[in-house]
Protein backbone atom coordinates (compact mmCIF):
# COMPACT_ATOMS: atom_id res chain seq x y z
CA MET A 1 0.00 0.00 0.00
CA ALA A 2 2.91 2.32 0.72
CA ASP A 3 3.99 2.07 -2.91
CA ILE A 4 0.54 3.14 -4.00
CA ASP A 5 0.24 6.02 -1.49
CA GLN A 6 3.56 7.70 -2.37
CA PRO A 7 2.54 9.11 -5.76
CA THR A 8 -0.68 10.33 -4.16
CA ARG A 9 1.29 12.41 -1.68
CA VAL A 10 3.41 13.89 -4.53
CA LEU A 11 0.39 14.88 -6.63
CA ARG A 12 -1.57 16.21 -3.67
CA PRO A 13 0.72 17.68 -0.99
CA ALA A 14 -0.38 17.86 2.58
CA GLY A 15 -1.51 21.43 2.24
CA GLY A 16 -4.13 20.55 -0.42
CA LEU A 17 -5.22 23.25 -2.88
CA GLY A 18 -3.90 25.95 -0.59
CA SER A 19 -0.38 24.56 -0.77
CA THR A 20 2.46 27.05 -1.08
CA ASP A 21 4.09 24.95 -3.82
CA LEU A 22 0.93 24.81 -5.92
CA TRP A 23 0.25 28.53 -5.43
CA ASP A 24 3.80 29.39 -6.51
CA ASP A 25 3.37 27.24 -9.61
CA LEU A 26 0.16 29.07 -10.51
CA VAL A 27 1.78 32.47 -10.00
CA ARG A 28 4.74 31.48 -12.16
CA LEU A 29 2.38 30.13 -14.84
CA SER A 30 0.26 33.32 -14.84
CA ARG A 31 3.37 35.48 -15.11
CA ARG A 32 4.62 33.39 -17.99
CA VAL A 33 1.28 33.68 -19.79
CA GLU A 34 1.26 37.45 -19.18
CA TYR A 35 4.84 37.77 -20.47
CA ASP A 36 4.17 35.68 -23.56
CA THR A 37 0.94 37.55 -24.27
CA THR A 38 2.66 40.93 -23.89
CA GLN A 39 5.51 39.87 -26.14
CA THR A 40 3.09 38.56 -28.77
CA LEU A 41 0.98 41.70 -28.70
CA ALA A 42 4.09 43.88 -28.91
CA ARG A 43 5.35 41.99 -31.94
CA GLN A 44 1.97 42.10 -33.65
CA TRP A 45 0.72 45.54 -32.68
CA SER A 46 3.72 47.83 -32.25
CA PRO A 47 4.86 47.79 -35.93
CA TRP A 48 1.62 49.44 -37.03
CA LEU A 49 0.19 51.03 -33.87
CA VAL A 50 3.30 53.00 -32.82
CA PRO A 51 3.87 54.64 -36.27
CA THR A 52 0.15 55.41 -36.52
CA LEU A 53 0.07 57.22 -33.18
CA ALA A 54 3.43 58.93 -33.83
CA THR A 55 2.24 60.29 -37.19
CA LEU A 56 -1.08 61.38 -35.73
CA VAL A 57 0.53 63.22 -32.81
CA ILE A 58 3.34 64.85 -34.82
CA GLY A 59 1.04 65.84 -37.67
CA ALA A 60 -1.59 67.32 -35.35
CA VAL A 61 0.85 69.82 -33.81
CA ALA A 62 -0.10 73.32 -35.04
CA LEU A 63 -2.20 71.81 -37.82
CA GLY A 64 -4.13 75.05 -38.31
CA ASN A 65 -1.23 77.52 -37.96
CA PRO A 66 -0.15 77.93 -41.62
CA GLY A 67 -2.53 79.88 -43.81
CA LEU A 68 -4.09 78.13 -46.78
CA TRP A 69 -1.92 78.61 -49.84
CA THR A 70 -2.88 78.82 -53.52
CA ASP A 71 -3.75 75.17 -54.10
CA GLU A 72 -5.53 74.77 -50.78
CA LEU A 73 -7.61 77.85 -51.51
CA ALA A 74 -8.63 76.21 -54.78
CA THR A 75 -9.85 73.25 -52.72
CA TRP A 76 -11.72 75.57 -50.36
CA GLY A 77 -13.31 77.41 -53.27
CA MET A 78 -14.59 74.27 -54.95
CA ALA A 79 -15.68 72.70 -51.65
CA THR A 80 -17.80 75.74 -50.81
CA THR A 81 -19.39 76.05 -54.26
CA HIS A 82 -22.95 75.16 -53.27
CA ASP A 83 -24.43 75.10 -56.77
CA TRP A 84 -23.56 71.68 -58.24
CA SER A 85 -24.24 72.92 -61.79
CA GLN A 86 -21.58 75.62 -61.34
CA PHE A 87 -19.27 73.05 -59.72
CA TRP A 88 -19.34 70.74 -62.74
CA TRP A 89 -19.25 73.59 -65.23
CA VAL A 90 -15.96 74.88 -63.82
CA LEU A 91 -14.44 71.38 -63.92
CA ARG A 92 -15.13 71.17 -67.64
CA TYR A 93 -12.37 73.75 -68.11
CA VAL A 94 -9.99 73.35 -65.15
CA ASP A 95 -8.97 70.75 -62.56
CA ALA A 96 -10.98 67.87 -64.07
CA VAL A 97 -8.43 65.37 -62.71
CA LEU A 98 -9.21 66.62 -59.20
CA ALA A 99 -12.97 66.13 -59.55
CA PRO A 100 -13.17 63.03 -57.25
CA TYR A 101 -11.20 64.80 -54.51
CA TYR A 102 -13.30 67.95 -54.86
CA VAL A 103 -16.52 65.92 -54.59
CA PHE A 104 -15.21 64.23 -51.45
CA THR A 105 -14.15 67.57 -49.92
CA HIS A 106 -17.45 69.20 -50.89
CA GLU A 107 -19.34 66.60 -48.86
CA TRP A 108 -16.79 66.72 -46.03
CA VAL A 109 -17.25 70.49 -45.71
CA ARG A 110 -21.01 70.08 -45.73
CA LEU A 111 -20.69 67.81 -42.68
CA PHE A 112 -17.76 69.33 -40.80
CA GLY A 113 -17.42 72.94 -41.97
CA ASP A 114 -14.76 74.80 -43.95
CA SER A 115 -12.27 75.77 -41.23
CA ASP A 116 -8.60 75.12 -41.94
CA LEU A 117 -8.59 72.30 -39.36
CA SER A 118 -11.59 70.68 -41.00
CA LEU A 119 -10.15 70.95 -44.51
CA ARG A 120 -6.85 69.37 -43.41
CA THR A 121 -8.17 66.63 -41.14
CA PRO A 122 -8.69 64.06 -43.95
CA SER A 123 -5.03 64.43 -44.93
CA LEU A 124 -3.88 63.99 -41.33
CA LEU A 125 -5.97 60.85 -40.90
CA ALA A 126 -4.76 59.49 -44.24
CA MET A 127 -1.11 59.96 -43.28
CA ALA A 128 -1.66 58.28 -39.90
CA ALA A 129 -3.41 55.33 -41.58
CA SER A 130 -0.58 55.16 -44.14
CA ALA A 131 2.01 54.93 -41.36
CA GLY A 132 0.08 52.04 -39.81
CA LEU A 133 -0.12 50.21 -43.13
CA ILE A 134 3.59 50.82 -43.76
CA GLY A 135 4.39 49.21 -40.41
CA ALA A 136 2.06 46.29 -41.12
CA LEU A 137 3.52 45.75 -44.59
CA GLY A 138 7.09 45.91 -43.31
CA ARG A 139 6.28 43.38 -40.59
CA ARG A 140 4.60 41.05 -43.07
CA LEU A 141 7.44 41.12 -45.55
CA SER A 142 10.54 41.52 -43.41
CA GLY A 143 9.71 41.25 -39.71
CA SER A 144 8.46 43.41 -36.87
CA ALA A 145 11.65 45.49 -36.63
CA THR A 146 11.47 46.53 -40.30
CA GLY A 147 7.83 47.50 -39.95
CA LEU A 148 8.32 49.49 -36.76
CA ILE A 149 11.46 51.32 -37.90
CA GLY A 150 10.14 51.97 -41.41
CA GLY A 151 6.89 53.33 -40.00
CA LEU A 152 8.76 55.61 -37.59
CA VAL A 153 11.08 56.93 -40.32
CA PHE A 154 7.97 57.81 -42.31
CA ALA A 155 6.37 59.44 -39.25
CA VAL A 156 9.30 61.79 -38.53
CA LEU A 157 9.92 62.93 -42.11
CA PRO A 158 8.97 66.62 -42.47
CA SER A 159 7.16 65.86 -45.73
CA THR A 160 4.77 63.58 -43.83
CA SER A 161 3.76 66.43 -41.52
CA ARG A 162 3.73 68.96 -44.35
CA PHE A 163 1.25 67.03 -46.45
CA ALA A 164 -0.71 65.82 -43.44
CA ALA A 165 -1.56 69.53 -43.12
CA GLU A 166 -2.41 70.03 -46.82
CA ALA A 167 -5.97 70.32 -48.07
CA ARG A 168 -5.09 68.49 -51.29
CA PRO A 169 -5.25 64.82 -52.34
CA TYR A 170 -1.55 63.95 -51.85
CA ALA A 171 -1.90 62.33 -48.41
CA LEU A 172 -4.88 60.32 -49.63
CA THR A 173 -2.75 59.24 -52.59
CA VAL A 174 -0.08 57.95 -50.19
CA LEU A 175 -2.74 55.93 -48.39
CA ALA A 176 -4.11 54.48 -51.64
CA ALA A 177 -0.60 53.56 -52.85
CA THR A 178 0.24 51.89 -49.54
CA ALA A 179 -3.04 49.98 -49.53
CA ALA A 180 -2.48 48.89 -53.14
CA THR A 181 1.02 47.60 -52.35
CA TYR A 182 -0.20 45.77 -49.25
CA LEU A 183 -2.99 44.13 -51.26
CA LEU A 184 -0.56 43.17 -54.03
CA VAL A 185 1.68 41.40 -51.52
CA SER A 186 -1.35 39.61 -50.04
CA ALA A 187 -2.59 38.56 -53.47
CA CYS A 188 0.82 37.22 -54.48
CA ARG A 189 1.20 35.21 -51.27
CA GLN A 190 -2.35 33.88 -51.14
CA PRO A 191 -3.96 34.36 -54.56
CA SER A 192 -7.72 34.74 -54.49
CA ALA A 193 -10.34 36.61 -56.46
CA ILE A 194 -11.25 38.86 -53.55
CA ARG A 195 -7.64 39.94 -53.00
CA TRP A 196 -7.11 40.79 -56.65
CA ILE A 197 -10.44 42.65 -56.74
CA GLY A 198 -9.28 44.63 -53.70
CA TYR A 199 -6.03 45.44 -55.51
CA ALA A 200 -7.93 46.63 -58.59
CA ALA A 201 -10.13 48.85 -56.39
CA ALA A 202 -7.09 50.36 -54.67
CA ILE A 203 -5.45 51.13 -58.03
CA SER A 204 -8.61 52.81 -59.29
CA VAL A 205 -8.81 54.98 -56.14
CA LEU A 206 -5.12 55.82 -56.52
CA GLY A 207 -5.62 56.97 -60.11
CA LEU A 208 -8.77 58.92 -59.30
CA LEU A 209 -6.91 60.83 -56.60
CA ASN A 210 -3.73 61.48 -58.60
CA VAL A 211 -3.25 60.20 -62.15
CA VAL A 212 0.54 60.30 -61.67
CA GLY A 213 0.03 57.72 -58.92
CA LEU A 214 -0.76 55.18 -61.63
CA LEU A 215 3.00 55.05 -62.29
CA LEU A 216 3.11 52.81 -59.22
CA LEU A 217 1.92 50.11 -61.61
CA ALA A 218 5.33 50.26 -63.29
CA GLY A 219 7.00 49.47 -59.97
CA HIS A 220 4.55 46.66 -59.24
CA ALA A 221 5.00 45.22 -62.74
CA TRP A 222 8.78 45.14 -62.32
CA VAL A 223 8.44 43.27 -59.01
CA LEU A 224 5.98 40.77 -60.49
CA MET A 225 8.18 40.08 -63.52
CA ALA A 226 11.21 39.50 -61.30
CA TRP A 227 9.64 37.47 -58.51
CA HIS A 228 6.11 36.24 -59.24
CA ARG A 229 5.76 35.63 -62.96
CA ARG A 230 3.08 33.02 -62.39
CA GLN A 231 0.85 35.79 -61.04
CA TRP A 232 1.47 38.04 -64.03
CA TRP A 233 -1.83 37.42 -65.80
CA ARG A 234 -3.82 38.02 -62.61
CA PHE A 235 -1.87 41.18 -61.95
CA GLY A 236 -2.39 42.36 -65.53
CA LEU A 237 -6.15 41.76 -65.32
CA ALA A 238 -6.53 43.54 -61.96
CA ALA A 239 -4.31 46.45 -63.00
CA GLY A 240 -6.23 46.76 -66.28
CA VAL A 241 -9.56 46.93 -64.45
CA GLY A 242 -8.23 49.54 -62.04
CA LEU A 243 -6.78 51.57 -64.88
CA ALA A 244 -10.01 51.35 -66.90
CA MET A 245 -11.88 53.08 -64.07
CA CYS A 246 -9.58 56.07 -64.49
CA VAL A 247 -9.81 56.37 -68.29
CA PRO A 248 -12.55 59.07 -68.34
CA LEU A 249 -10.51 61.17 -65.92
CA LEU A 250 -7.37 60.69 -67.99
CA MET A 251 -9.21 61.79 -71.13
CA PHE A 252 -10.43 64.99 -69.49
CA GLY A 253 -6.98 65.56 -68.04
CA THR A 254 -5.27 65.43 -71.43
CA ARG A 255 -7.65 68.14 -72.67
CA GLN A 256 -6.51 70.38 -69.81
CA SER A 257 -2.78 69.77 -70.18
CA HIS A 258 -2.25 73.56 -70.20
CA GLN A 259 -2.56 73.40 -66.40
CA VAL A 260 0.85 71.72 -66.10
CA SER A 261 2.51 73.93 -68.71
CA TYR A 262 4.33 75.85 -65.96
CA ILE A 263 6.30 72.75 -64.84
CA PRO A 264 9.93 73.05 -66.01
CA PRO A 265 11.76 70.26 -67.87
CA VAL A 266 13.78 67.78 -65.84
CA SER A 267 17.28 69.05 -65.07
CA PHE A 268 20.03 68.71 -62.48
CA ALA A 269 18.14 71.22 -60.34
CA THR A 270 15.20 68.82 -60.19
CA PHE A 271 16.88 66.68 -57.52
CA GLY A 272 17.06 69.66 -55.18
CA ASP A 273 13.32 70.22 -55.42
CA TYR A 274 12.68 66.48 -55.15
CA SER A 275 14.76 66.13 -51.98
CA THR A 276 13.22 69.23 -50.37
CA VAL A 277 9.59 68.32 -51.03
CA LEU A 278 9.74 64.57 -50.40
CA PHE A 279 12.22 64.47 -47.53
CA GLY A 280 12.59 67.98 -46.10
CA GLY A 281 16.02 68.87 -47.47
CA THR A 282 19.10 67.57 -49.27
CA ALA A 283 20.84 66.31 -46.11
CA LEU A 284 17.75 64.39 -45.00
CA SER A 285 17.20 62.91 -48.45
CA LEU A 286 20.81 61.74 -48.72
CA LEU A 287 20.62 60.19 -45.25
CA VAL A 288 17.35 58.32 -45.85
CA ILE A 289 18.23 57.26 -49.40
CA GLY A 290 21.74 56.26 -48.30
CA ILE A 291 20.40 54.09 -45.48
CA GLY A 292 17.79 52.67 -47.83
CA LEU A 293 20.42 51.58 -50.34
CA PHE A 294 21.85 49.24 -47.70
CA GLY A 295 18.51 47.43 -47.79
CA LEU A 296 18.69 46.89 -51.54
CA PRO A 297 20.09 43.35 -51.94
CA LEU A 298 17.19 42.29 -54.09
CA ARG A 299 15.31 39.77 -52.12
CA TRP A 300 11.52 39.80 -52.39
CA PRO A 301 10.86 42.33 -49.57
CA SER A 302 13.53 44.77 -50.72
CA ALA A 303 12.36 44.44 -54.32
CA VAL A 304 8.84 45.51 -53.30
CA PHE A 305 10.19 48.52 -51.42
CA ALA A 306 12.65 49.52 -54.17
CA GLY A 307 10.07 49.13 -56.94
CA TRP A 308 7.78 51.42 -54.97
CA ALA A 309 10.44 54.05 -54.20
CA ILE A 310 12.39 54.21 -57.45
CA VAL A 311 10.51 52.94 -60.50
CA PRO A 312 7.68 55.54 -60.50
CA VAL A 313 10.29 58.32 -60.25
CA LEU A 314 12.16 56.96 -63.26
CA ALA A 315 8.90 56.52 -65.15
CA LEU A 316 7.88 60.14 -64.51
CA ILE A 317 11.28 61.34 -65.73
CA VAL A 318 10.68 59.45 -68.99
CA VAL A 319 7.17 60.92 -69.31
CA SER A 320 8.56 64.40 -68.64
CA PHE A 321 10.84 64.21 -71.67
CA VAL A 322 7.64 64.20 -73.75
CA MET A 323 5.47 66.46 -71.55
CA PRO A 324 7.12 68.06 -68.48
CA MET A 325 5.21 66.77 -65.44
CA PHE A 326 7.96 66.22 -62.87
CA LEU A 327 6.49 68.03 -59.89
CA PRO A 328 7.97 66.45 -56.73
CA ARG A 329 4.74 66.51 -54.74
CA TYR A 330 3.15 64.30 -57.39
CA LEU A 331 5.60 61.61 -56.23
CA LEU A 332 4.85 61.82 -52.52
CA PHE A 333 3.34 58.32 -52.72
CA THR A 334 6.87 56.90 -53.18
CA THR A 335 8.21 58.02 -49.77
CA PRO A 336 6.85 54.92 -47.94
CA GLY A 337 9.12 52.81 -50.18
CA TRP A 338 12.18 54.74 -49.03
CA ALA A 339 11.05 54.57 -45.39
CA LEU A 340 10.69 50.78 -45.62
CA LEU A 341 14.06 50.38 -47.35
CA ALA A 342 15.59 52.34 -44.46
CA GLY A 343 13.65 50.17 -42.02
CA ALA A 344 14.96 46.97 -43.66
CA ALA A 345 18.54 48.23 -43.42
CA LEU A 346 18.28 49.43 -39.81
CA ALA A 347 16.57 46.22 -38.69
CA ARG A 348 19.94 44.49 -39.20
CA VAL A 349 21.70 46.51 -36.50
CA ARG A 350 21.18 46.62 -32.75
CA PRO A 351 17.95 48.28 -31.63
CA ARG A 352 19.74 51.14 -29.87
CA TRP A 353 21.68 51.97 -33.04
CA ALA A 354 18.53 51.81 -35.13
CA GLY A 355 16.74 54.06 -32.64
CA SER A 356 19.65 56.50 -32.73
CA VAL A 357 19.45 56.80 -36.51
CA VAL A 358 15.68 57.40 -36.39
CA LEU A 359 16.37 60.09 -33.78
CA VAL A 360 18.98 61.70 -36.06
CA VAL A 361 16.44 61.78 -38.90
CA ALA A 362 13.93 63.43 -36.55
CA LEU A 363 16.47 66.00 -35.30
CA LEU A 364 17.65 66.90 -38.80
CA GLY A 365 14.05 67.55 -39.72
CA LEU A 366 13.27 69.80 -36.73
CA PRO A 367 14.07 73.13 -38.47
CA VAL A 368 11.83 72.19 -41.37
CA GLN A 369 9.13 70.94 -38.98
CA ALA A 370 9.16 74.35 -37.28
CA GLN A 371 9.13 76.27 -40.57
CA ILE A 372 6.18 74.41 -42.09
CA ARG A 373 4.12 75.21 -38.99
CA SER A 374 4.74 78.96 -39.18
CA ALA A 375 2.14 81.41 -40.50
CA GLY A 376 3.74 81.26 -43.95
CA GLY A 377 4.74 77.61 -43.76
CA HIS A 378 2.64 76.79 -46.81
CA GLU A 379 4.31 79.49 -48.93
CA GLN A 380 1.75 82.26 -48.32
CA ALA A 381 0.80 83.74 -44.95
CA THR A 382 -2.81 84.32 -45.97
CA ALA A 383 -4.28 84.28 -42.45
CA GLU A 384 -1.69 86.79 -41.27
CA MET A 385 -2.54 89.04 -44.22
CA ALA A 386 -6.24 88.84 -43.38
CA ALA A 387 -5.55 89.86 -39.78
CA VAL A 388 -3.84 93.04 -41.01
CA ILE A 389 -6.85 93.97 -43.16
CA ALA A 390 -9.35 93.22 -40.40
CA ALA A 391 -7.41 95.34 -37.91
CA ASN A 392 -7.01 98.39 -40.17
CA VAL A 393 -10.08 98.50 -42.41
CA ARG A 394 -12.38 101.55 -42.36
CA PRO A 395 -15.85 102.21 -43.80
CA GLY A 396 -15.54 103.20 -47.45
CA ASP A 397 -12.45 101.03 -48.11
CA ALA A 398 -12.26 99.03 -51.32
CA ILE A 399 -9.93 96.25 -52.42
CA VAL A 400 -8.38 95.60 -55.84
CA TYR A 401 -6.76 92.45 -57.17
CA ALA A 402 -4.46 91.99 -60.18
CA ASP A 403 -5.83 91.05 -63.59
CA ASP A 404 -3.40 88.15 -63.64
CA GLU A 405 -0.74 86.65 -61.40
CA PRO A 406 2.07 84.26 -62.35
CA VAL A 407 0.58 81.56 -60.11
CA GLY A 408 -2.96 81.28 -58.78
CA SER A 409 -4.84 84.41 -59.84
CA TRP A 410 -7.70 83.28 -57.57
CA THR A 411 -5.50 83.22 -54.46
CA ALA A 412 -5.85 86.82 -53.28
CA ARG A 413 -9.62 87.10 -53.66
CA ASP A 414 -10.26 83.67 -52.13
CA ALA A 415 -7.92 84.38 -49.21
CA VAL A 416 -9.84 87.53 -48.31
CA ALA A 417 -13.19 85.76 -48.72
CA HIS A 418 -12.06 82.87 -46.51
CA TYR A 419 -10.26 84.70 -43.72
CA VAL A 420 -11.59 88.25 -43.43
CA PRO A 421 -14.96 88.45 -41.64
CA ALA A 422 -17.70 89.89 -43.84
CA ASP A 423 -18.17 92.94 -41.61
CA ARG A 424 -14.42 93.75 -41.77
CA ARG A 425 -13.97 93.11 -45.48
CA PRO A 426 -13.19 95.99 -47.90
CA ALA A 427 -15.73 96.34 -50.72
CA ASP A 428 -14.85 94.42 -53.87
CA LEU A 429 -16.17 97.20 -56.13
CA LEU A 430 -14.77 95.75 -59.35
CA ALA A 431 -16.36 92.29 -59.06
CA THR A 432 -19.44 91.90 -61.25
CA ASN A 433 -19.69 88.12 -60.84
CA SER A 434 -18.33 85.80 -58.16
CA PRO A 435 -15.55 83.25 -58.79
CA ARG A 436 -16.52 79.75 -60.01
CA HIS A 437 -19.56 81.02 -61.88
CA ASP A 438 -20.73 80.44 -65.45
CA GLY A 439 -17.87 78.02 -66.02
CA LEU A 440 -15.23 80.59 -65.03
CA LEU A 441 -12.78 79.93 -62.21
CA LEU A 442 -12.06 83.64 -61.69
CA ALA A 443 -14.47 86.47 -60.91
CA THR A 444 -15.57 88.73 -63.75
CA GLU A 445 -14.82 92.42 -63.23
CA CYS A 446 -16.08 95.85 -64.20
CA ALA A 447 -14.70 97.11 -67.51
CA ASP A 448 -14.85 100.77 -66.40
CA VAL A 449 -12.29 100.52 -63.61
CA ALA A 450 -12.08 104.23 -62.85
CA GLY A 451 -15.87 104.59 -62.75
CA CYS A 452 -16.44 101.57 -60.50
CA LEU A 453 -13.75 102.75 -58.06
CA LYS A 454 -15.21 106.25 -57.64
CA PRO A 455 -16.92 105.49 -54.27
CA ALA A 456 -13.66 104.23 -52.74
CA LYS A 457 -12.13 106.43 -50.02
CA ARG A 458 -9.08 104.20 -49.64
CA VAL A 459 -7.96 101.15 -51.61
CA TRP A 460 -6.30 97.95 -50.47
CA VAL A 461 -4.18 96.08 -53.02
CA LEU A 462 -3.32 92.41 -52.50
CA ARG A 463 -0.70 90.77 -54.72
CA ILE A 464 1.07 87.41 -54.88
CA GLY A 465 4.82 87.57 -54.25
CA HIS A 466 7.11 90.28 -52.90
CA LEU A 467 6.72 93.50 -54.90
CA THR A 468 8.39 96.82 -54.13
CA ASP A 469 5.75 98.49 -56.30
CA PRO A 470 2.37 96.90 -55.45
CA LEU A 471 0.81 98.30 -58.64
CA ALA A 472 3.41 96.85 -61.02
CA GLY A 473 1.72 94.41 -63.38
CA ILE A 474 -1.69 94.84 -61.77
CA GLY A 475 -3.31 95.49 -65.16
CA PRO A 476 -3.19 98.58 -67.44
CA LYS A 477 -6.60 100.04 -66.53
CA LYS A 478 -6.17 99.40 -62.82
CA ASP A 479 -2.67 100.82 -62.84
CA GLN A 480 -3.84 104.03 -64.52
CA ALA A 481 -6.95 104.50 -62.38
CA LEU A 482 -5.17 103.85 -59.08
CA ARG A 483 -2.10 105.97 -59.79
CA ALA A 484 -4.34 108.87 -60.82
CA ARG A 485 -6.11 109.04 -57.43
CA PHE A 486 -4.07 107.20 -54.81
CA HIS A 487 -0.59 106.60 -53.49
CA PRO A 488 0.78 103.76 -51.31
CA ASP A 489 0.66 104.78 -47.65
CA ARG A 490 1.64 101.47 -46.03
CA ILE A 491 2.94 98.19 -47.39
CA TRP A 492 3.06 94.86 -45.54
CA TYR A 493 4.95 91.76 -46.64
CA PRO A 494 3.44 88.61 -45.13
CA ASP A 495 5.29 85.54 -46.47
CA GLY A 496 4.60 85.16 -50.18
CA LEU A 497 2.32 88.21 -50.41
CA THR A 498 2.32 91.98 -50.82
CA LEU A 499 -0.44 93.96 -49.12
CA ALA A 500 -0.67 97.72 -49.70
CA LEU A 501 -3.01 100.42 -48.42
CA LEU A 502 -3.47 103.32 -50.84
CA GLU A 503 -4.54 106.71 -49.55
CA PRO A 504 -5.95 109.57 -51.67
CA GLY A 505 -3.27 111.55 -53.48
CA ARG A 506 -1.74 111.09 -56.87
CA ILE A 507 1.62 109.33 -57.13
CA ALA A 508 4.33 111.84 -57.98
CA GLY A 509 5.66 111.57 -61.50
């Protein structure tokens, strides 16, 4: 019997269920489960959650500080055009390729208002979602470290914050490109109809937001030819369907090619603009690209990242030899590729060294981060200008705008309409019809300038750029009428603008 009782005493010690040994075992087991669960969650969640939160927090800092610049004011103008017939009529002549984004913003403004914060919030959310997808894609292809580091590199780039605070479609384009690449990887690994349909949908959204974004297909095609040729026909079918959805937009866009006529041909100076817009400066671009090149040994993950970062840029250079279209912000959707290449390279070193490099990238970008959050951080300090008018306007004041400006003739009038309260706004005596009316983007004005300006006691003049003479190039009739009755009393120079107050009294000479 003793032989039988011994195991019983081992399995059930004298203390029963309250035994110290059993309790210690349970505590150790619970701690082990907690540790394993925490480790698992950290590996699965941190690569996408940390970059998402980092991008959201960094991008939200001073989101509403910079005034809306020329392109953002175009978004505001179309979003606040309440007459849909006028909305579509204007798009027949300008900005047809932006129609889907304008429709989205029009409805967004109807729900959330037209403040600067409201207009920019979709871009901020898109950039944060992009950072999360970048982390998830990096983890899926190359491990948690690549995803986390690549997502953080993307989060701290000044260009991420700059375009997270831009009421234009570029941040949404980054999100669409990231989603398309993620879906391509999923479809190649586990081919199914639903995954390829999702890829086709992402490509169509990408093209509808920014037709230049369709050059991502060139990068994807290169990766498929090199690594997954068996999936080529599925890729071709899905890409073709996505592209077909964009054909009407492309057709309208080719009819309005005059809108990109100001873009210069590709030259050696192009890299400077490219590095400034996409990375925040030459030093930052060289650092990120240099690190990324260490991740280039062309295995499957690095091939995906490199195809994303490099091939669309090369394709746009080729296109620009025929029709100049190399505007760096059009290529913003390629920055996640560089961030992930950097993440793949830094994942090979010790975590503290990788963290140090990410910190260096963040510190190098600090001056740019501060500048883009200033009043003129988006090129034109429009809100600052409006504050000057509102503080100094008097009854009987009028305001005059130039017949034409080198860039964005609508900017000055829209800036005043957006920022200056109606009861503090000088009278626009020359306007006979509002902007975005009868198919015209710009307002129509009185032909008899001198006659229409007769009631004005003082005149404000708002111009784009820095002009020592605020009347230079304002238009022959306006120049003559204003010089005959007024002279500049005060001139202000908010970033990117010239604001003058003319008092009665003819200009000498």
